[in-house]
Amino acid sequence: QVELVESGGGLVQAGGSLRLSCVASSRISSSNAVGWYRQAPGKQRELVASTSGSGTIYADSVKGRFTISRDNAKNTVHLQMNNLRPEDTAVYYCNARVLSSTKWLEVWGQGTLVTVSS
């Protein structure tokens, strides 16, 4: 089964930075968007950032602080998070369409926890 594996989460003080990585076990579709989502306890999952050949979008709460990027050759998506705030605390998930033999499958990673202390 194809997989997405997130890493880079951890504990950081407010104002600090983290870089999340999402590595796929096979190629990520270049024809569809890849995205980062997050979910905090008691809150619904929300889109943080998404990028495709058509452009890139960010949640208003992270604009100017987060940057999504991808390295197609390495089947990897990154999320650079700067000037972190306590309200950024959540489990972060990546989502992408990944090649599985002859078809593309939408896959979610297992999540990586980001905790921002004040």
N, C-alpha and C. Protein backbone atom coordinates (compact mmCIF):
# COMPACT_ATOMS: atom_id res chain seq x y z
N GLN A 1 0.85 -1.18 0.00
CA GLN A 1 0.00 0.00 0.00
C GLN A 1 0.89 1.24 0.00
N VAL A 2 0.50 2.23 -0.75
CA VAL A 2 1.26 3.47 -0.78
C VAL A 2 1.08 4.21 0.54
N GLU A 3 2.09 4.99 0.91
CA GLU A 3 2.09 5.67 2.19
C GLU A 3 2.61 7.09 2.05
N LEU A 4 2.15 7.94 2.97
CA LEU A 4 2.73 9.25 3.22
C LEU A 4 3.18 9.27 4.67
N VAL A 5 4.41 9.67 4.91
CA VAL A 5 4.96 9.70 6.25
C VAL A 5 5.41 11.11 6.58
N GLU A 6 4.79 11.70 7.61
CA GLU A 6 5.14 13.04 8.05
C GLU A 6 6.21 12.96 9.13
N SER A 7 7.03 13.99 9.19
CA SER A 7 8.02 14.10 10.24
C SER A 7 8.32 15.58 10.45
N GLY A 8 9.03 15.88 11.52
CA GLY A 8 9.45 17.24 11.79
C GLY A 8 8.69 17.94 12.89
N GLY A 9 7.63 17.32 13.39
CA GLY A 9 6.90 17.92 14.48
C GLY A 9 7.69 17.87 15.77
N GLY A 10 7.20 18.58 16.76
CA GLY A 10 7.86 18.60 18.04
C GLY A 10 7.38 19.75 18.89
N LEU A 11 8.14 20.02 19.93
CA LEU A 11 7.83 21.09 20.87
C LEU A 11 8.71 22.29 20.57
N VAL A 12 8.09 23.44 20.43
CA VAL A 12 8.82 24.66 20.13
C VAL A 12 8.20 25.82 20.88
N GLN A 13 9.01 26.79 21.23
CA GLN A 13 8.50 27.98 21.89
C GLN A 13 7.87 28.94 20.89
N ALA A 14 6.93 29.73 21.37
CA ALA A 14 6.32 30.73 20.52
C ALA A 14 7.39 31.60 19.87
N GLY A 15 7.20 31.86 18.58
CA GLY A 15 8.17 32.60 17.82
C GLY A 15 9.19 31.75 17.11
N GLY A 16 9.24 30.47 17.45
CA GLY A 16 10.18 29.58 16.82
C GLY A 16 9.69 29.04 15.50
N SER A 17 10.48 28.13 14.93
CA SER A 17 10.19 27.58 13.61
C SER A 17 10.31 26.07 13.61
N LEU A 18 9.56 25.45 12.74
CA LEU A 18 9.66 24.03 12.46
C LEU A 18 9.49 23.81 10.97
N ARG A 19 10.09 22.75 10.48
CA ARG A 19 9.93 22.37 9.08
C ARG A 19 9.40 20.95 9.04
N LEU A 20 8.19 20.80 8.53
CA LEU A 20 7.57 19.50 8.40
C LEU A 20 7.86 18.91 7.03
N SER A 21 8.02 17.60 7.00
CA SER A 21 8.26 16.90 5.75
C SER A 21 7.24 15.78 5.60
N CYS A 22 6.86 15.53 4.38
CA CYS A 22 5.93 14.47 4.04
C CYS A 22 6.52 13.71 2.86
N VAL A 23 6.89 12.47 3.09
CA VAL A 23 7.56 11.66 2.08
C VAL A 23 6.63 10.54 1.63
N ALA A 24 6.44 10.45 0.34
CA ALA A 24 5.59 9.42 -0.23
C ALA A 24 6.42 8.21 -0.63
N SER A 25 5.80 7.04 -0.60
CA SER A 25 6.48 5.81 -0.98
C SER A 25 6.59 5.65 -2.49
N SER A 26 5.90 6.48 -3.24
CA SER A 26 6.00 6.50 -4.68
C SER A 26 5.73 7.92 -5.16
N ARG A 27 5.59 8.10 -6.44
CA ARG A 27 5.48 9.44 -6.99
C ARG A 27 4.17 10.11 -6.59
N ILE A 28 4.25 11.40 -6.36
CA ILE A 28 3.09 12.23 -6.06
C ILE A 28 2.62 12.88 -7.36
N SER A 29 1.31 12.87 -7.55
CA SER A 29 0.75 13.44 -8.76
C SER A 29 1.09 14.92 -8.89
N SER A 30 1.56 15.31 -10.05
CA SER A 30 1.82 16.71 -10.34
C SER A 30 0.61 17.40 -10.94
N SER A 31 -0.44 16.65 -11.18
CA SER A 31 -1.65 17.19 -11.79
C SER A 31 -2.73 17.53 -10.77
N ASN A 32 -2.46 17.25 -9.51
CA ASN A 32 -3.42 17.51 -8.45
C ASN A 32 -2.74 18.19 -7.28
N ALA A 33 -3.53 18.87 -6.47
CA ALA A 33 -2.99 19.59 -5.33
C ALA A 33 -2.50 18.64 -4.25
N VAL A 34 -1.48 19.08 -3.54
CA VAL A 34 -1.05 18.46 -2.30
C VAL A 34 -1.30 19.46 -1.18
N GLY A 35 -1.61 18.95 -0.01
CA GLY A 35 -1.98 19.87 1.06
C GLY A 35 -1.55 19.42 2.43
N TRP A 36 -1.49 20.40 3.31
CA TRP A 36 -1.27 20.18 4.73
C TRP A 36 -2.53 20.60 5.48
N TYR A 37 -2.96 19.74 6.38
CA TYR A 37 -4.11 20.00 7.23
C TYR A 37 -3.69 19.89 8.69
N ARG A 38 -4.50 20.43 9.57
CA ARG A 38 -4.21 20.27 10.98
C ARG A 38 -5.51 20.13 11.76
N GLN A 39 -5.39 19.48 12.91
CA GLN A 39 -6.54 19.30 13.78
C GLN A 39 -6.09 19.36 15.23
N ALA A 40 -6.72 20.23 15.98
CA ALA A 40 -6.47 20.34 17.40
C ALA A 40 -7.61 19.68 18.16
N PRO A 41 -7.35 19.21 19.38
CA PRO A 41 -8.42 18.59 20.16
C PRO A 41 -9.62 19.51 20.31
N GLY A 42 -10.79 18.96 20.08
CA GLY A 42 -12.01 19.73 20.20
C GLY A 42 -12.31 20.63 19.03
N LYS A 43 -11.49 20.58 17.99
CA LYS A 43 -11.70 21.42 16.83
C LYS A 43 -11.71 20.58 15.56
N GLN A 44 -12.35 21.11 14.54
CA GLN A 44 -12.43 20.40 13.28
C GLN A 44 -11.13 20.54 12.49
N ARG A 45 -10.90 19.57 11.64
CA ARG A 45 -9.73 19.62 10.78
C ARG A 45 -9.85 20.77 9.78
N GLU A 46 -8.75 21.45 9.55
CA GLU A 46 -8.76 22.57 8.64
C GLU A 46 -7.59 22.50 7.67
N LEU A 47 -7.81 23.05 6.50
CA LEU A 47 -6.75 23.16 5.51
C LEU A 47 -5.80 24.26 5.92
N VAL A 48 -4.52 23.94 5.95
CA VAL A 48 -3.49 24.91 6.28
C VAL A 48 -2.88 25.51 5.02
N ALA A 49 -2.50 24.65 4.09
CA ALA A 49 -1.87 25.10 2.86
C ALA A 49 -2.04 24.04 1.79
N SER A 50 -2.14 24.49 0.56
CA SER A 50 -2.30 23.59 -0.57
C SER A 50 -1.60 24.19 -1.77
N THR A 51 -0.97 23.34 -2.56
CA THR A 51 -0.29 23.83 -3.75
C THR A 51 -0.50 22.87 -4.91
N SER A 52 -0.57 23.43 -6.08
CA SER A 52 -0.71 22.68 -7.32
C SER A 52 -0.10 23.51 -8.44
N GLY A 53 -0.17 22.96 -9.64
CA GLY A 53 0.33 23.72 -10.77
C GLY A 53 -0.43 25.00 -11.01
N SER A 54 -1.63 25.10 -10.46
CA SER A 54 -2.47 26.28 -10.65
C SER A 54 -2.21 27.37 -9.63
N GLY A 55 -1.49 27.05 -8.57
CA GLY A 55 -1.21 28.05 -7.57
C GLY A 55 -1.15 27.48 -6.17
N THR A 56 -1.01 28.37 -5.21
CA THR A 56 -0.86 28.00 -3.82
C THR A 56 -1.81 28.82 -2.97
N ILE A 57 -2.42 28.19 -1.99
CA ILE A 57 -3.32 28.88 -1.08
C ILE A 57 -2.92 28.58 0.36
N TYR A 58 -3.25 29.52 1.24
CA TYR A 58 -2.97 29.37 2.66
C TYR A 58 -4.18 29.80 3.46
N ALA A 59 -4.36 29.18 4.60
CA ALA A 59 -5.35 29.67 5.54
C ALA A 59 -4.95 31.07 5.99
N ASP A 60 -5.94 31.92 6.23
CA ASP A 60 -5.65 33.28 6.64
C ASP A 60 -4.78 33.33 7.90
N SER A 61 -4.98 32.38 8.78
CA SER A 61 -4.27 32.38 10.05
C SER A 61 -2.77 32.11 9.92
N VAL A 62 -2.33 31.58 8.77
CA VAL A 62 -0.93 31.24 8.61
C VAL A 62 -0.25 32.02 7.50
N LYS A 63 -0.97 32.84 6.80
CA LYS A 63 -0.38 33.61 5.71
C LYS A 63 0.77 34.47 6.21
N GLY A 64 1.86 34.44 5.47
CA GLY A 64 3.04 35.19 5.84
C GLY A 64 3.94 34.48 6.80
N ARG A 65 3.48 33.37 7.37
CA ARG A 65 4.28 32.63 8.34
C ARG A 65 4.65 31.23 7.85
N PHE A 66 3.76 30.60 7.10
CA PHE A 66 3.97 29.23 6.62
C PHE A 66 4.22 29.23 5.12
N THR A 67 5.02 28.29 4.67
CA THR A 67 5.30 28.13 3.25
C THR A 67 5.26 26.65 2.89
N ILE A 68 4.44 26.32 1.90
CA ILE A 68 4.38 24.95 1.41
C ILE A 68 5.25 24.84 0.16
N SER A 69 5.93 23.72 0.01
CA SER A 69 6.75 23.48 -1.16
C SER A 69 6.79 21.99 -1.44
N ARG A 70 7.24 21.65 -2.61
CA ARG A 70 7.34 20.24 -2.97
C ARG A 70 8.59 19.98 -3.77
N ASP A 71 9.11 18.78 -3.62
CA ASP A 71 10.26 18.31 -4.36
C ASP A 71 9.82 17.04 -5.08
N ASN A 72 9.44 17.20 -6.33
CA ASN A 72 8.88 16.08 -7.07
C ASN A 72 9.88 14.94 -7.24
N ALA A 73 11.15 15.27 -7.41
CA ALA A 73 12.16 14.25 -7.60
C ALA A 73 12.32 13.37 -6.37
N LYS A 74 12.01 13.91 -5.20
CA LYS A 74 12.15 13.16 -3.96
C LYS A 74 10.80 12.73 -3.38
N ASN A 75 9.73 12.93 -4.13
CA ASN A 75 8.39 12.55 -3.68
C ASN A 75 8.08 13.13 -2.30
N THR A 76 8.41 14.39 -2.13
CA THR A 76 8.34 15.01 -0.82
C THR A 76 7.62 16.35 -0.87
N VAL A 77 6.85 16.62 0.17
CA VAL A 77 6.20 17.90 0.38
C VAL A 77 6.65 18.46 1.71
N HIS A 78 6.92 19.75 1.76
CA HIS A 78 7.38 20.39 2.99
C HIS A 78 6.41 21.47 3.43
N LEU A 79 6.43 21.74 4.71
CA LEU A 79 5.74 22.89 5.26
C LEU A 79 6.69 23.60 6.21
N GLN A 80 7.17 24.75 5.80
CA GLN A 80 8.02 25.57 6.65
C GLN A 80 7.13 26.46 7.49
N MET A 81 7.28 26.38 8.80
CA MET A 81 6.45 27.12 9.72
C MET A 81 7.33 28.05 10.54
N ASN A 82 7.12 29.34 10.38
CA ASN A 82 7.89 30.35 11.09
C ASN A 82 6.98 31.15 12.01
N ASN A 83 7.60 31.79 12.99
CA ASN A 83 6.86 32.62 13.94
C ASN A 83 5.65 31.88 14.50
N LEU A 84 5.91 30.70 15.01
CA LEU A 84 4.83 29.86 15.51
C LEU A 84 4.15 30.46 16.72
N ARG A 85 2.87 30.20 16.83
CA ARG A 85 2.04 30.69 17.91
C ARG A 85 1.41 29.52 18.65
N PRO A 86 1.04 29.69 19.91
CA PRO A 86 0.39 28.60 20.63
C PRO A 86 -0.84 28.06 19.93
N GLU A 87 -1.57 28.90 19.24
CA GLU A 87 -2.76 28.44 18.54
C GLU A 87 -2.45 27.59 17.32
N ASP A 88 -1.18 27.47 16.96
CA ASP A 88 -0.78 26.56 15.89
C ASP A 88 -0.65 25.12 16.37
N THR A 89 -0.76 24.91 17.67
CA THR A 89 -0.64 23.57 18.23
C THR A 89 -1.72 22.66 17.67
N ALA A 90 -1.30 21.55 17.09
CA ALA A 90 -2.23 20.62 16.45
C ALA A 90 -1.44 19.43 15.91
N VAL A 91 -2.18 18.42 15.49
CA VAL A 91 -1.60 17.36 14.69
C VAL A 91 -1.71 17.77 13.23
N TYR A 92 -0.60 17.71 12.54
CA TYR A 92 -0.54 18.13 11.14
C TYR A 92 -0.48 16.90 10.24
N TYR A 93 -1.32 16.90 9.22
CA TYR A 93 -1.42 15.80 8.27
C TYR A 93 -1.15 16.30 6.86
N CYS A 94 -0.50 15.47 6.07
CA CYS A 94 -0.38 15.78 4.66
C CYS A 94 -1.30 14.89 3.86
N ASN A 95 -1.67 15.37 2.70
CA ASN A 95 -2.60 14.68 1.83
C ASN A 95 -2.14 14.85 0.39
N ALA A 96 -2.16 13.75 -0.36
CA ALA A 96 -1.74 13.82 -1.76
C ALA A 96 -2.27 12.62 -2.51
N ARG A 97 -2.28 12.75 -3.82
CA ARG A 97 -2.57 11.61 -4.68
C ARG A 97 -1.24 10.97 -5.04
N VAL A 98 -1.12 9.69 -4.74
CA VAL A 98 0.13 8.97 -4.88
C VAL A 98 -0.05 7.81 -5.85
N LEU A 99 0.98 7.58 -6.65
CA LEU A 99 0.91 6.53 -7.65
C LEU A 99 0.97 5.16 -7.01
N SER A 100 0.00 4.33 -7.35
CA SER A 100 -0.03 2.93 -6.92
C SER A 100 -0.22 2.07 -8.14
N SER A 101 0.86 1.52 -8.63
CA SER A 101 0.85 0.72 -9.86
C SER A 101 0.28 1.53 -11.01
N THR A 102 -0.95 1.24 -11.40
CA THR A 102 -1.54 1.87 -12.58
C THR A 102 -2.58 2.93 -12.25
N LYS A 103 -2.73 3.27 -10.98
CA LYS A 103 -3.74 4.26 -10.61
C LYS A 103 -3.23 5.19 -9.52
N TRP A 104 -3.92 6.30 -9.37
CA TRP A 104 -3.60 7.28 -8.35
C TRP A 104 -4.56 7.14 -7.18
N LEU A 105 -4.01 7.13 -5.98
CA LEU A 105 -4.80 7.01 -4.77
C LEU A 105 -4.63 8.24 -3.89
N GLU A 106 -5.72 8.71 -3.33
CA GLU A 106 -5.64 9.79 -2.36
C GLU A 106 -5.22 9.21 -1.02
N VAL A 107 -4.14 9.72 -0.45
CA VAL A 107 -3.54 9.14 0.74
C VAL A 107 -3.34 10.21 1.79
N TRP A 108 -3.59 9.84 3.03
CA TRP A 108 -3.33 10.68 4.19
C TRP A 108 -2.16 10.12 4.99
N GLY A 109 -1.34 10.99 5.51
CA GLY A 109 -0.29 10.58 6.41
C GLY A 109 -0.84 10.31 7.79
N GLN A 110 0.01 9.79 8.66
CA GLN A 110 -0.41 9.44 10.02
C GLN A 110 -0.45 10.64 10.95
N GLY A 111 0.15 11.72 10.54
CA GLY A 111 0.15 12.94 11.33
C GLY A 111 1.41 13.10 12.15
N THR A 112 1.77 14.35 12.37
CA THR A 112 2.89 14.69 13.24
C THR A 112 2.45 15.82 14.16
N LEU A 113 2.75 15.68 15.44
CA LEU A 113 2.26 16.61 16.45
C LEU A 113 3.19 17.82 16.56
N VAL A 114 2.59 18.99 16.49
CA VAL A 114 3.29 20.25 16.70
C VAL A 114 2.72 20.89 17.96
N THR A 115 3.58 21.18 18.91
CA THR A 115 3.18 21.82 20.15
C THR A 115 3.97 23.10 20.32
N VAL A 116 3.26 24.21 20.44
CA VAL A 116 3.90 25.51 20.59
C VAL A 116 3.59 26.02 21.99
N SER A 117 4.62 26.23 22.76
CA SER A 117 4.47 26.69 24.13
C SER A 117 4.62 28.20 24.20
N SER A 118 3.99 28.78 25.20
CA SER A 118 4.08 30.22 25.43
C SER A 118 4.97 30.55 26.61
